[in-house]
Amino acid sequence: MATQHTYRVIVRGTFSELTDGARAWLLGEVDEHGLSQMRFTPEGSLTYDRVLKHFSYRFVVVSDAADGEEMASALAEDRAEGALKALGGGVGVTFGELRSTVTDMDTMKINRKGR
């Protein structure tokens, strides 16, 4: 059995050419997607502001350690694409290239202050 690692992945992107319907839906939901709502979850946590330019998704991805951070990144980006396309009951949003940052929580070092 392969060793599983837990990864925290931040997927970032830029909205592009939003339709009036997508823009209206996003603005109607903006208070639910602000900085105070940021959490790492398996289903993802979307954050953006009223400018509707940039967004980020935060995911927890559990994957085989042998597959590494690249697989965690690919899985999170795939989840983000699907979620963005399904927003607003299928209104969906258009976006540019996604980029991600991955942290392997199982290999992360914790620096503790001396007592």
N, C-alpha and C. Protein backbone atom coordinates (compact mmCIF):
# COMPACT_ATOMS: atom_id res chain seq x y z
N MET A 1 0.84 -1.18 0.00
CA MET A 1 0.00 0.00 0.00
C MET A 1 0.88 1.24 0.00
N ALA A 2 0.57 2.18 -0.85
CA ALA A 2 1.36 3.41 -0.98
C ALA A 2 1.08 4.35 0.19
N THR A 3 2.08 5.11 0.55
CA THR A 3 1.94 6.10 1.60
C THR A 3 1.16 7.30 1.05
N GLN A 4 0.19 7.74 1.83
CA GLN A 4 -0.61 8.90 1.45
C GLN A 4 -0.07 10.14 2.15
N HIS A 5 -0.02 11.25 1.43
CA HIS A 5 0.34 12.53 2.01
C HIS A 5 -0.82 13.50 1.84
N THR A 6 -0.89 14.45 2.74
CA THR A 6 -1.90 15.50 2.66
C THR A 6 -1.23 16.76 2.16
N TYR A 7 -1.81 17.34 1.12
CA TYR A 7 -1.27 18.55 0.51
C TYR A 7 -2.27 19.69 0.64
N ARG A 8 -1.77 20.87 0.89
CA ARG A 8 -2.58 22.08 0.82
C ARG A 8 -2.20 22.77 -0.48
N VAL A 9 -3.20 23.02 -1.31
CA VAL A 9 -2.94 23.58 -2.63
C VAL A 9 -3.73 24.88 -2.79
N ILE A 10 -3.05 25.93 -3.21
CA ILE A 10 -3.71 27.19 -3.56
C ILE A 10 -3.65 27.31 -5.07
N VAL A 11 -4.82 27.37 -5.69
CA VAL A 11 -4.93 27.52 -7.13
C VAL A 11 -5.37 28.96 -7.39
N ARG A 12 -4.58 29.67 -8.20
CA ARG A 12 -4.88 31.07 -8.51
C ARG A 12 -5.18 31.23 -9.99
N GLY A 13 -6.01 32.23 -10.28
CA GLY A 13 -6.33 32.51 -11.67
C GLY A 13 -6.93 33.89 -11.82
N THR A 14 -7.27 34.21 -13.05
CA THR A 14 -7.85 35.50 -13.39
C THR A 14 -9.15 35.26 -14.16
N PHE A 15 -10.21 35.95 -13.75
CA PHE A 15 -11.45 35.88 -14.51
C PHE A 15 -11.22 36.53 -15.86
N SER A 16 -11.87 36.01 -16.91
CA SER A 16 -11.72 36.63 -18.22
C SER A 16 -13.07 36.63 -18.95
N GLU A 17 -13.35 37.73 -19.59
CA GLU A 17 -14.55 37.86 -20.43
C GLU A 17 -15.81 37.31 -19.77
N LEU A 18 -16.11 37.78 -18.57
CA LEU A 18 -17.29 37.31 -17.86
C LEU A 18 -18.56 37.78 -18.56
N THR A 19 -19.54 36.91 -18.66
CA THR A 19 -20.84 37.30 -19.19
C THR A 19 -21.56 38.14 -18.14
N ASP A 20 -22.59 38.84 -18.55
CA ASP A 20 -23.37 39.64 -17.60
C ASP A 20 -23.97 38.76 -16.51
N GLY A 21 -24.43 37.56 -16.90
CA GLY A 21 -25.00 36.64 -15.92
C GLY A 21 -23.98 36.15 -14.91
N ALA A 22 -22.78 35.82 -15.38
CA ALA A 22 -21.72 35.36 -14.47
C ALA A 22 -21.28 36.49 -13.55
N ARG A 23 -21.14 37.69 -14.10
CA ARG A 23 -20.75 38.86 -13.29
C ARG A 23 -21.79 39.13 -12.21
N ALA A 24 -23.06 39.10 -12.58
CA ALA A 24 -24.14 39.35 -11.62
C ALA A 24 -24.14 38.28 -10.52
N TRP A 25 -23.95 37.03 -10.91
CA TRP A 25 -23.95 35.95 -9.91
C TRP A 25 -22.77 36.11 -8.95
N LEU A 26 -21.58 36.37 -9.49
CA LEU A 26 -20.39 36.54 -8.65
C LEU A 26 -20.55 37.71 -7.69
N LEU A 27 -21.06 38.83 -8.17
CA LEU A 27 -21.26 39.99 -7.29
C LEU A 27 -22.31 39.72 -6.23
N GLY A 28 -23.32 38.94 -6.57
CA GLY A 28 -24.35 38.58 -5.59
C GLY A 28 -23.82 37.67 -4.49
N GLU A 29 -22.75 36.96 -4.76
CA GLU A 29 -22.16 36.01 -3.81
C GLU A 29 -20.86 36.50 -3.18
N VAL A 30 -20.42 37.70 -3.52
CA VAL A 30 -19.09 38.17 -3.13
C VAL A 30 -18.88 38.14 -1.62
N ASP A 31 -19.90 38.43 -0.82
CA ASP A 31 -19.73 38.43 0.63
C ASP A 31 -19.46 37.03 1.19
N GLU A 32 -19.87 36.01 0.46
CA GLU A 32 -19.63 34.62 0.88
C GLU A 32 -18.26 34.11 0.46
N HIS A 33 -17.51 34.93 -0.30
CA HIS A 33 -16.24 34.48 -0.85
C HIS A 33 -15.11 35.46 -0.55
N GLY A 34 -15.20 36.15 0.57
CA GLY A 34 -14.17 37.11 0.96
C GLY A 34 -13.04 36.45 1.74
N LEU A 35 -12.12 37.29 2.17
CA LEU A 35 -10.94 36.79 2.89
C LEU A 35 -11.28 36.02 4.15
N SER A 36 -12.36 36.40 4.81
CA SER A 36 -12.73 35.70 6.05
C SER A 36 -13.24 34.29 5.80
N GLN A 37 -13.52 33.96 4.56
CA GLN A 37 -14.05 32.63 4.22
C GLN A 37 -12.96 31.65 3.77
N MET A 38 -11.69 32.09 3.74
CA MET A 38 -10.62 31.22 3.24
C MET A 38 -10.38 30.03 4.17
N ARG A 39 -10.51 28.85 3.60
CA ARG A 39 -10.25 27.61 4.33
C ARG A 39 -9.72 26.57 3.33
N PHE A 40 -8.91 25.68 3.83
CA PHE A 40 -8.47 24.55 3.01
C PHE A 40 -9.45 23.41 3.24
N THR A 41 -10.15 23.00 2.19
CA THR A 41 -11.14 21.92 2.28
C THR A 41 -10.99 21.01 1.06
N PRO A 42 -11.46 19.77 1.15
CA PRO A 42 -11.39 18.87 -0.01
C PRO A 42 -12.19 19.41 -1.21
N GLU A 43 -13.33 20.04 -0.96
CA GLU A 43 -14.15 20.56 -2.07
C GLU A 43 -13.69 21.93 -2.56
N GLY A 44 -12.83 22.57 -1.81
CA GLY A 44 -12.27 23.85 -2.22
C GLY A 44 -13.00 25.04 -1.64
N SER A 45 -12.27 26.09 -1.41
CA SER A 45 -12.80 27.34 -0.87
C SER A 45 -12.41 28.45 -1.84
N LEU A 46 -13.42 29.04 -2.48
CA LEU A 46 -13.20 30.08 -3.48
C LEU A 46 -13.19 31.46 -2.81
N THR A 47 -12.21 32.29 -3.16
CA THR A 47 -12.17 33.66 -2.68
C THR A 47 -11.92 34.61 -3.86
N TYR A 48 -12.60 35.75 -3.80
CA TYR A 48 -12.43 36.81 -4.78
C TYR A 48 -13.02 38.09 -4.19
N ASP A 49 -12.82 39.22 -4.87
CA ASP A 49 -13.39 40.47 -4.37
C ASP A 49 -14.26 41.10 -5.46
N ARG A 50 -14.82 42.27 -5.15
CA ARG A 50 -15.77 42.94 -6.04
C ARG A 50 -15.18 43.36 -7.39
N VAL A 51 -13.88 43.47 -7.46
CA VAL A 51 -13.24 43.87 -8.72
C VAL A 51 -13.43 42.79 -9.78
N LEU A 52 -13.57 41.54 -9.36
CA LEU A 52 -13.75 40.38 -10.24
C LEU A 52 -12.63 40.26 -11.26
N LYS A 53 -11.41 40.40 -10.76
CA LYS A 53 -10.26 40.20 -11.63
C LYS A 53 -9.56 38.88 -11.29
N HIS A 54 -9.09 38.75 -10.05
CA HIS A 54 -8.36 37.56 -9.63
C HIS A 54 -9.20 36.74 -8.66
N PHE A 55 -8.91 35.45 -8.59
CA PHE A 55 -9.55 34.56 -7.63
C PHE A 55 -8.53 33.54 -7.14
N SER A 56 -8.87 32.89 -6.05
CA SER A 56 -8.06 31.77 -5.59
C SER A 56 -8.98 30.70 -5.00
N TYR A 57 -8.54 29.48 -5.12
CA TYR A 57 -9.21 28.33 -4.52
C TYR A 57 -8.21 27.68 -3.59
N ARG A 58 -8.68 27.23 -2.44
CA ARG A 58 -7.83 26.51 -1.50
C ARG A 58 -8.38 25.11 -1.34
N PHE A 59 -7.51 24.12 -1.54
CA PHE A 59 -7.91 22.71 -1.48
C PHE A 59 -7.01 21.93 -0.54
N VAL A 60 -7.59 20.87 0.04
CA VAL A 60 -6.83 19.82 0.70
C VAL A 60 -6.90 18.62 -0.25
N VAL A 61 -5.74 18.11 -0.63
CA VAL A 61 -5.67 16.97 -1.53
C VAL A 61 -4.88 15.87 -0.84
N VAL A 62 -5.46 14.67 -0.78
CA VAL A 62 -4.76 13.51 -0.25
C VAL A 62 -4.39 12.65 -1.45
N SER A 63 -3.09 12.36 -1.57
CA SER A 63 -2.59 11.65 -2.74
C SER A 63 -1.41 10.79 -2.35
N ASP A 64 -1.07 9.85 -3.20
CA ASP A 64 0.11 9.02 -2.94
C ASP A 64 1.35 9.89 -2.91
N ALA A 65 2.18 9.67 -1.91
CA ALA A 65 3.41 10.44 -1.77
C ALA A 65 4.32 10.27 -2.97
N ALA A 66 4.29 9.08 -3.57
CA ALA A 66 5.14 8.81 -4.73
C ALA A 66 4.76 9.68 -5.93
N ASP A 67 3.50 10.09 -6.01
CA ASP A 67 3.05 10.95 -7.10
C ASP A 67 3.49 12.39 -6.91
N GLY A 68 3.76 12.76 -5.67
CA GLY A 68 4.33 14.06 -5.36
C GLY A 68 3.41 15.25 -5.52
N GLU A 69 4.04 16.40 -5.40
CA GLU A 69 3.32 17.67 -5.44
C GLU A 69 2.71 17.95 -6.81
N GLU A 70 3.34 17.43 -7.87
CA GLU A 70 2.82 17.66 -9.22
C GLU A 70 1.41 17.08 -9.37
N MET A 71 1.20 15.88 -8.83
CA MET A 71 -0.12 15.26 -8.92
C MET A 71 -1.13 16.02 -8.08
N ALA A 72 -0.73 16.44 -6.88
CA ALA A 72 -1.63 17.22 -6.03
C ALA A 72 -2.04 18.51 -6.74
N SER A 73 -1.09 19.16 -7.40
CA SER A 73 -1.37 20.37 -8.15
C SER A 73 -2.35 20.11 -9.28
N ALA A 74 -2.12 19.05 -10.04
CA ALA A 74 -3.00 18.71 -11.16
C ALA A 74 -4.42 18.39 -10.69
N LEU A 75 -4.52 17.64 -9.59
CA LEU A 75 -5.84 17.30 -9.05
C LEU A 75 -6.59 18.54 -8.59
N ALA A 76 -5.90 19.44 -7.91
CA ALA A 76 -6.55 20.67 -7.42
C ALA A 76 -6.97 21.56 -8.58
N GLU A 77 -6.13 21.69 -9.58
CA GLU A 77 -6.48 22.52 -10.73
C GLU A 77 -7.68 21.94 -11.47
N ASP A 78 -7.75 20.62 -11.56
CA ASP A 78 -8.90 19.97 -12.19
C ASP A 78 -10.17 20.24 -11.40
N ARG A 79 -10.08 20.14 -10.07
CA ARG A 79 -11.24 20.43 -9.22
C ARG A 79 -11.68 21.88 -9.37
N ALA A 80 -10.71 22.80 -9.42
CA ALA A 80 -11.03 24.22 -9.57
C ALA A 80 -11.74 24.48 -10.89
N GLU A 81 -11.23 23.89 -11.99
CA GLU A 81 -11.86 24.07 -13.30
C GLU A 81 -13.31 23.60 -13.27
N GLY A 82 -13.53 22.42 -12.71
CA GLY A 82 -14.90 21.90 -12.64
C GLY A 82 -15.81 22.77 -11.80
N ALA A 83 -15.31 23.24 -10.68
CA ALA A 83 -16.12 24.09 -9.79
C ALA A 83 -16.44 25.43 -10.45
N LEU A 84 -15.47 26.02 -11.13
CA LEU A 84 -15.71 27.30 -11.80
C LEU A 84 -16.73 27.17 -12.92
N LYS A 85 -16.68 26.06 -13.63
CA LYS A 85 -17.64 25.84 -14.72
C LYS A 85 -19.05 25.59 -14.19
N ALA A 86 -19.17 25.13 -12.95
CA ALA A 86 -20.48 24.81 -12.38
C ALA A 86 -21.05 25.92 -11.51
N LEU A 87 -20.34 27.01 -11.35
CA LEU A 87 -20.80 28.09 -10.47
C LEU A 87 -22.18 28.60 -10.87
N GLY A 88 -22.92 29.02 -9.86
CA GLY A 88 -24.21 29.67 -10.10
C GLY A 88 -25.23 28.80 -10.80
N GLY A 89 -25.26 27.53 -10.45
CA GLY A 89 -26.23 26.64 -11.06
C GLY A 89 -25.96 26.43 -12.54
N GLY A 90 -24.68 26.47 -12.91
CA GLY A 90 -24.33 26.23 -14.30
C GLY A 90 -24.04 27.49 -15.10
N VAL A 91 -24.13 28.67 -14.45
CA VAL A 91 -23.76 29.91 -15.15
C VAL A 91 -22.33 29.79 -15.63
N GLY A 92 -21.47 29.29 -14.76
CA GLY A 92 -20.05 29.11 -15.10
C GLY A 92 -19.35 30.43 -15.31
N VAL A 93 -18.05 30.42 -15.18
CA VAL A 93 -17.25 31.62 -15.42
C VAL A 93 -16.08 31.24 -16.32
N THR A 94 -15.61 32.21 -17.06
CA THR A 94 -14.44 31.99 -17.89
C THR A 94 -13.22 32.52 -17.15
N PHE A 95 -12.11 31.88 -17.39
CA PHE A 95 -10.90 32.22 -16.65
C PHE A 95 -9.68 31.91 -17.48
N GLY A 96 -8.58 32.52 -17.11
CA GLY A 96 -7.31 32.29 -17.79
C GLY A 96 -6.59 31.09 -17.22
N GLU A 97 -5.32 31.02 -17.51
CA GLU A 97 -4.49 29.91 -17.05
C GLU A 97 -4.44 29.85 -15.53
N LEU A 98 -4.53 28.64 -15.00
CA LEU A 98 -4.45 28.43 -13.56
C LEU A 98 -3.01 28.13 -13.18
N ARG A 99 -2.63 28.57 -12.00
CA ARG A 99 -1.31 28.24 -11.45
C ARG A 99 -1.52 27.88 -9.99
N SER A 100 -0.67 27.00 -9.48
CA SER A 100 -0.89 26.54 -8.12
C SER A 100 0.40 26.48 -7.32
N THR A 101 0.21 26.56 -6.02
CA THR A 101 1.28 26.43 -5.04
C THR A 101 0.90 25.29 -4.11
N VAL A 102 1.84 24.36 -3.88
CA VAL A 102 1.55 23.15 -3.11
C VAL A 102 2.44 23.09 -1.89
N THR A 103 1.84 22.71 -0.75
CA THR A 103 2.60 22.46 0.47
C THR A 103 2.28 21.04 0.94
N ASP A 104 3.30 20.22 1.09
CA ASP A 104 3.14 18.86 1.61
C ASP A 104 3.13 18.95 3.13
N MET A 105 1.98 18.75 3.72
CA MET A 105 1.82 18.91 5.17
C MET A 105 2.55 17.83 5.95
N ASP A 106 2.85 16.71 5.31
CA ASP A 106 3.53 15.61 6.00
C ASP A 106 5.04 15.79 6.06
N THR A 107 5.58 16.67 5.25
CA THR A 107 7.03 16.91 5.28
C THR A 107 7.36 18.31 5.76
N MET A 108 6.35 19.09 6.08
CA MET A 108 6.55 20.46 6.52
C MET A 108 7.19 20.49 7.90
N LYS A 109 8.19 21.33 8.06
CA LYS A 109 8.85 21.47 9.35
C LYS A 109 8.18 22.57 10.15
N ILE A 110 8.02 22.33 11.42
CA ILE A 110 7.43 23.31 12.31
C ILE A 110 8.51 23.83 13.23
N ASN A 111 8.73 25.11 13.19
CA ASN A 111 9.70 25.74 14.09
C ASN A 111 8.98 26.22 15.34
N ARG A 112 9.34 25.66 16.45
CA ARG A 112 8.72 26.05 17.71
C ARG A 112 9.66 26.98 18.47
N LYS A 113 9.07 27.99 19.07
CA LYS A 113 9.86 28.91 19.88
C LYS A 113 10.30 28.24 21.17
N GLY A 114 11.50 28.57 21.61
CA GLY A 114 12.00 28.01 22.88
C GLY A 114 11.20 28.54 24.04
N ARG A 115 11.21 27.79 25.10
CA ARG A 115 10.41 28.20 26.27
C ARG A 115 11.23 28.97 27.23
